[in-house]
């Protein structure tokens, strides 16, 4: 058997109608971020799992062979639905364990 290169036929990026608009709508990863540890957005078979694997635009790239991000019907709407990390927070100030002062025992030597 001779080794042949793998060719992906029929998979292409359609930049005509469906495109990523990075002008006004963007993901702000400064203070507020989407933490997808156990929960993830399941887009059919392929999904964006930000737990162990993430979209790193430095060395790794988005592979559009079999798994791709379909921006046709299913898309992330950042207009009305968003995660508000302002009001809901965990306040560890009031609830704490109060340990008093330990008592010392005086041991007299005979």
N, C-alpha and C. Protein backbone atom coordinates (compact mmCIF):
# COMPACT_ATOMS: atom_id res chain seq x y z
N UNK A 1 0.85 -1.20 0.00
CA UNK A 1 0.00 0.00 0.00
C UNK A 1 0.88 1.25 0.00
N UNK A 2 0.57 2.15 -0.89
CA UNK A 2 1.34 3.39 -0.97
C UNK A 2 0.67 4.46 -0.14
N UNK A 3 1.49 5.27 0.52
CA UNK A 3 0.94 6.33 1.36
C UNK A 3 0.56 7.52 0.50
N UNK A 4 -0.70 7.91 0.61
CA UNK A 4 -1.19 9.04 -0.15
C UNK A 4 -1.61 10.14 0.81
N UNK A 5 -1.44 11.40 0.41
CA UNK A 5 -1.87 12.51 1.29
C UNK A 5 -3.39 12.56 1.40
N UNK A 6 -3.85 12.98 2.56
CA UNK A 6 -5.29 13.06 2.81
C UNK A 6 -5.82 14.34 2.17
N UNK A 7 -6.84 14.18 1.34
CA UNK A 7 -7.43 15.34 0.67
C UNK A 7 -8.83 15.57 1.23
N UNK A 8 -9.12 16.80 1.63
CA UNK A 8 -10.45 17.16 2.10
C UNK A 8 -11.20 17.78 0.93
N UNK A 9 -12.14 17.02 0.40
CA UNK A 9 -12.89 17.48 -0.76
C UNK A 9 -14.24 18.00 -0.28
N UNK A 10 -14.60 19.16 -0.72
CA UNK A 10 -15.92 19.69 -0.40
C UNK A 10 -15.95 20.55 0.84
N UNK A 11 -14.86 20.64 1.57
CA UNK A 11 -14.84 21.48 2.76
C UNK A 11 -14.15 22.79 2.42
N UNK A 12 -14.87 23.87 2.56
CA UNK A 12 -14.28 25.17 2.25
C UNK A 12 -14.90 26.22 3.16
N UNK A 13 -14.24 27.34 3.25
CA UNK A 13 -14.74 28.46 4.05
C UNK A 13 -15.55 29.36 3.13
N UNK A 14 -16.84 29.50 3.44
CA UNK A 14 -17.69 30.36 2.65
C UNK A 14 -17.67 31.75 3.26
N UNK A 15 -16.92 32.64 2.62
CA UNK A 15 -16.80 33.99 3.14
C UNK A 15 -17.78 34.94 2.47
N UNK A 16 -18.76 34.38 1.77
CA UNK A 16 -19.70 35.26 1.09
C UNK A 16 -20.75 35.80 2.05
N UNK A 17 -21.66 34.91 2.48
CA UNK A 17 -22.74 35.37 3.35
C UNK A 17 -22.39 35.17 4.82
N UNK A 18 -21.85 34.00 5.14
CA UNK A 18 -21.54 33.72 6.54
C UNK A 18 -20.10 34.08 6.82
N UNK A 19 -19.89 35.03 7.71
CA UNK A 19 -18.55 35.43 8.08
C UNK A 19 -18.55 35.89 9.53
N UNK A 20 -17.38 35.95 10.10
CA UNK A 20 -17.24 36.39 11.48
C UNK A 20 -17.04 37.90 11.48
N UNK A 21 -17.99 38.63 12.06
CA UNK A 21 -17.91 40.08 12.10
C UNK A 21 -17.20 40.49 13.38
N UNK A 22 -15.97 40.92 13.23
CA UNK A 22 -15.17 41.32 14.38
C UNK A 22 -15.19 42.82 14.58
N UNK A 23 -16.15 43.49 13.95
CA UNK A 23 -16.20 44.94 14.10
C UNK A 23 -16.86 45.34 15.41
N UNK A 24 -18.16 45.14 15.50
CA UNK A 24 -18.89 45.55 16.69
C UNK A 24 -19.04 44.40 17.68
N UNK A 25 -19.43 43.22 17.17
CA UNK A 25 -19.66 42.09 18.07
C UNK A 25 -18.37 41.31 18.23
N UNK A 26 -17.86 41.22 19.43
CA UNK A 26 -16.66 40.46 19.69
C UNK A 26 -16.73 39.87 21.09
N UNK A 27 -15.90 38.88 21.34
CA UNK A 27 -15.84 38.26 22.66
C UNK A 27 -14.78 38.99 23.47
N UNK A 28 -15.19 39.64 24.55
CA UNK A 28 -14.27 40.39 25.39
C UNK A 28 -13.77 39.48 26.50
N UNK A 29 -12.51 39.08 26.40
CA UNK A 29 -11.93 38.19 27.40
C UNK A 29 -11.10 38.97 28.41
N UNK A 30 -11.48 40.23 28.66
CA UNK A 30 -10.72 41.01 29.63
C UNK A 30 -11.15 40.69 31.05
N UNK A 31 -12.30 41.23 31.44
CA UNK A 31 -12.80 40.98 32.79
C UNK A 31 -13.87 39.89 32.79
N UNK A 32 -14.84 40.00 31.89
CA UNK A 32 -15.90 39.00 31.83
C UNK A 32 -15.56 37.98 30.77
N UNK A 33 -15.67 36.70 31.12
CA UNK A 33 -15.37 35.65 30.15
C UNK A 33 -16.36 34.51 30.34
N UNK A 34 -16.43 33.71 29.32
CA UNK A 34 -17.32 32.55 29.36
C UNK A 34 -16.50 31.36 29.80
N UNK A 35 -16.83 30.78 30.97
CA UNK A 35 -16.09 29.64 31.49
C UNK A 35 -16.83 28.37 31.10
N UNK A 36 -16.26 27.66 30.14
CA UNK A 36 -16.90 26.45 29.66
C UNK A 36 -16.12 25.23 30.16
N UNK A 37 -16.09 25.05 31.47
CA UNK A 37 -15.36 23.91 32.01
C UNK A 37 -16.09 22.61 31.75
N UNK A 38 -17.21 22.40 32.44
CA UNK A 38 -17.99 21.19 32.23
C UNK A 38 -19.12 21.44 31.23
N UNK A 39 -19.71 22.61 31.26
CA UNK A 39 -20.78 22.92 30.32
C UNK A 39 -20.17 23.43 29.02
N UNK A 40 -20.79 23.05 27.92
CA UNK A 40 -20.25 23.45 26.63
C UNK A 40 -21.41 23.69 25.67
N UNK A 41 -21.11 24.39 24.60
CA UNK A 41 -22.09 24.64 23.56
C UNK A 41 -21.98 23.51 22.55
N UNK A 42 -23.02 22.66 22.46
CA UNK A 42 -23.00 21.50 21.59
C UNK A 42 -23.66 21.87 20.27
N UNK A 43 -22.84 22.00 19.21
CA UNK A 43 -23.37 22.37 17.90
C UNK A 43 -23.42 21.14 17.01
N UNK A 44 -24.25 20.17 17.37
CA UNK A 44 -24.35 18.96 16.56
C UNK A 44 -23.34 17.94 17.04
N UNK A 45 -22.33 17.67 16.23
CA UNK A 45 -21.27 16.74 16.61
C UNK A 45 -20.06 17.49 17.15
N UNK A 46 -19.70 18.56 16.48
CA UNK A 46 -18.55 19.33 16.94
C UNK A 46 -19.01 20.40 17.92
N UNK A 47 -18.21 20.68 18.94
CA UNK A 47 -18.56 21.69 19.92
C UNK A 47 -17.30 22.41 20.37
N UNK A 48 -17.53 23.58 20.94
CA UNK A 48 -16.41 24.37 21.43
C UNK A 48 -16.21 24.03 22.90
N UNK A 49 -15.21 23.23 23.21
CA UNK A 49 -14.94 22.83 24.59
C UNK A 49 -13.75 23.63 25.09
N UNK A 50 -14.04 24.56 26.01
CA UNK A 50 -12.97 25.40 26.53
C UNK A 50 -12.38 24.87 27.83
N UNK A 51 -12.62 23.56 28.14
CA UNK A 51 -12.04 23.01 29.35
C UNK A 51 -10.58 22.65 29.14
N UNK A 52 -10.36 21.59 28.35
CA UNK A 52 -8.99 21.19 28.07
C UNK A 52 -8.54 21.73 26.71
N UNK A 53 -9.41 21.58 25.70
CA UNK A 53 -9.07 22.09 24.38
C UNK A 53 -9.73 23.44 24.18
N UNK A 54 -9.02 24.36 23.56
CA UNK A 54 -9.54 25.70 23.34
C UNK A 54 -9.05 26.19 21.99
N UNK A 55 -9.66 27.26 21.54
CA UNK A 55 -9.26 27.81 20.25
C UNK A 55 -8.08 28.75 20.49
N UNK A 56 -6.89 28.26 20.19
CA UNK A 56 -5.67 29.05 20.35
C UNK A 56 -5.25 29.54 18.97
N UNK A 57 -5.34 30.84 18.76
CA UNK A 57 -4.99 31.39 17.45
C UNK A 57 -3.51 31.69 17.33
N UNK A 58 -2.71 31.18 18.27
CA UNK A 58 -1.27 31.40 18.17
C UNK A 58 -0.62 30.33 17.31
N UNK A 59 -0.54 29.11 17.82
CA UNK A 59 0.08 28.02 17.09
C UNK A 59 -0.96 27.13 16.42
N UNK A 60 -2.02 26.79 17.16
CA UNK A 60 -3.03 25.92 16.59
C UNK A 60 -4.01 26.72 15.76
N UNK A 61 -4.76 26.05 14.93
CA UNK A 61 -5.68 26.72 14.04
C UNK A 61 -7.00 25.95 14.00
N UNK A 62 -7.98 26.54 13.39
CA UNK A 62 -9.30 25.92 13.28
C UNK A 62 -9.27 24.99 12.08
N UNK A 63 -9.47 23.69 12.33
CA UNK A 63 -9.43 22.69 11.27
C UNK A 63 -10.83 22.53 10.69
N UNK A 64 -10.94 22.90 9.41
CA UNK A 64 -12.25 22.87 8.76
C UNK A 64 -12.41 21.61 7.92
N UNK A 65 -11.88 20.48 8.36
CA UNK A 65 -12.03 19.26 7.60
C UNK A 65 -13.40 18.64 7.83
N UNK A 66 -13.56 17.96 8.97
CA UNK A 66 -14.84 17.36 9.29
C UNK A 66 -15.62 18.21 10.28
N UNK A 67 -14.94 18.71 11.30
CA UNK A 67 -15.61 19.53 12.30
C UNK A 67 -15.43 21.00 11.96
N UNK A 68 -16.51 21.73 11.91
CA UNK A 68 -16.43 23.15 11.60
C UNK A 68 -17.51 23.90 12.36
N UNK A 69 -17.34 25.19 12.46
CA UNK A 69 -18.30 26.04 13.13
C UNK A 69 -19.31 26.51 12.10
N UNK A 70 -20.56 26.09 12.24
CA UNK A 70 -21.60 26.43 11.29
C UNK A 70 -22.29 27.70 11.76
N UNK A 71 -22.05 28.78 11.02
CA UNK A 71 -22.65 30.06 11.38
C UNK A 71 -23.91 30.33 10.58
N UNK A 72 -24.52 29.26 10.01
CA UNK A 72 -25.72 29.47 9.22
C UNK A 72 -26.96 29.57 10.10
N UNK A 73 -27.35 28.41 10.69
CA UNK A 73 -28.55 28.40 11.51
C UNK A 73 -28.22 28.59 12.99
N UNK A 74 -27.20 27.87 13.45
CA UNK A 74 -26.84 27.97 14.86
C UNK A 74 -25.71 28.97 15.03
N UNK A 75 -25.92 29.98 15.84
CA UNK A 75 -24.89 30.98 16.06
C UNK A 75 -24.97 31.48 17.50
N UNK A 76 -23.92 32.10 17.94
CA UNK A 76 -23.87 32.66 19.29
C UNK A 76 -24.36 34.10 19.22
N UNK A 77 -25.48 34.37 19.87
CA UNK A 77 -26.06 35.71 19.85
C UNK A 77 -25.63 36.45 21.11
N UNK A 78 -24.75 37.42 20.91
CA UNK A 78 -24.25 38.20 22.05
C UNK A 78 -25.03 39.50 22.22
N UNK A 79 -26.22 39.56 21.63
CA UNK A 79 -26.98 40.80 21.73
C UNK A 79 -27.80 40.86 23.00
N UNK A 80 -28.81 39.99 23.10
CA UNK A 80 -29.70 40.05 24.24
C UNK A 80 -29.26 39.10 25.35
N UNK A 81 -28.86 37.88 24.96
CA UNK A 81 -28.50 36.90 25.98
C UNK A 81 -27.02 37.00 26.28
N UNK A 82 -26.69 37.27 27.53
CA UNK A 82 -25.29 37.34 27.92
C UNK A 82 -25.16 36.91 29.38
N UNK A 83 -23.96 36.61 29.76
CA UNK A 83 -23.69 36.20 31.14
C UNK A 83 -23.31 37.43 31.94
N UNK A 84 -24.12 37.75 32.96
CA UNK A 84 -23.86 38.93 33.78
C UNK A 84 -23.13 38.50 35.05
N UNK A 85 -21.86 38.86 35.10
CA UNK A 85 -21.06 38.50 36.27
C UNK A 85 -20.98 39.65 37.27
N UNK A 86 -21.93 40.56 37.21
CA UNK A 86 -21.86 41.72 38.09
C UNK A 86 -22.56 41.49 39.41
N UNK A 87 -23.84 41.11 39.36
CA UNK A 87 -24.64 41.03 40.57
C UNK A 87 -24.44 39.71 41.31
N UNK A 88 -24.36 38.61 40.53
CA UNK A 88 -24.26 37.31 41.18
C UNK A 88 -22.81 36.99 41.47
N UNK A 89 -22.45 36.92 42.75
CA UNK A 89 -21.09 36.58 43.12
C UNK A 89 -21.09 35.88 44.48
N UNK A 90 -20.02 35.22 44.78
CA UNK A 90 -19.89 34.52 46.05
C UNK A 90 -19.21 35.45 47.04
N UNK A 91 -19.89 35.72 48.17
CA UNK A 91 -19.34 36.63 49.17
C UNK A 91 -18.77 35.81 50.33
N UNK A 92 -17.46 35.62 50.36
CA UNK A 92 -16.88 34.86 51.46
C UNK A 92 -16.52 35.74 52.66
N UNK A 93 -17.18 36.87 52.80
CA UNK A 93 -16.81 37.79 53.87
C UNK A 93 -17.52 37.47 55.18
N UNK A 94 -18.84 37.28 55.11
CA UNK A 94 -19.62 37.11 56.33
C UNK A 94 -19.54 35.69 56.88
N UNK A 95 -19.55 34.70 55.98
CA UNK A 95 -19.56 33.32 56.45
C UNK A 95 -18.13 32.84 56.66
N UNK A 96 -17.74 32.61 57.92
CA UNK A 96 -16.41 32.11 58.19
C UNK A 96 -16.44 31.27 59.47
N UNK A 97 -15.41 30.49 59.65
CA UNK A 97 -15.32 29.64 60.84
C UNK A 97 -14.56 30.40 61.92
N UNK A 98 -15.22 30.60 63.08
CA UNK A 98 -14.61 31.34 64.17
C UNK A 98 -13.98 30.36 65.15
N UNK A 99 -12.67 30.31 65.15
CA UNK A 99 -11.98 29.46 66.10
C UNK A 99 -11.44 30.33 67.23
N UNK A 100 -11.85 29.99 68.46
CA UNK A 100 -11.41 30.79 69.60
C UNK A 100 -9.95 30.53 69.94
N UNK A 101 -9.51 31.10 71.04
CA UNK A 101 -8.12 30.93 71.43
C UNK A 101 -7.95 29.58 72.13
N UNK A 102 -6.96 28.79 71.77
CA UNK A 102 -6.74 27.50 72.44
C UNK A 102 -6.21 27.70 73.87
N UNK A 103 -6.74 26.89 74.79
CA UNK A 103 -6.33 27.01 76.20
C UNK A 103 -5.05 26.21 76.43
N UNK A 104 -4.12 26.83 77.19
CA UNK A 104 -2.86 26.16 77.48
C UNK A 104 -2.95 25.49 78.85
N UNK A 105 -2.46 24.25 78.94
CA UNK A 105 -2.46 23.52 80.21
C UNK A 105 -1.10 23.69 80.89
N UNK A 106 -1.15 24.07 82.18
CA UNK A 106 0.09 24.22 82.93
C UNK A 106 0.47 22.88 83.55
N UNK A 107 1.62 22.36 83.13
CA UNK A 107 2.08 21.07 83.67
C UNK A 107 3.21 21.35 84.66
N UNK A 108 2.97 20.98 85.92
CA UNK A 108 3.99 21.19 86.95
C UNK A 108 4.88 19.96 87.05
N UNK A 109 6.19 20.19 87.08
CA UNK A 109 7.11 19.06 87.19
C UNK A 109 7.33 18.73 88.66
N UNK A 110 7.30 17.43 89.00
CA UNK A 110 7.47 17.00 90.38
C UNK A 110 8.93 16.99 90.76
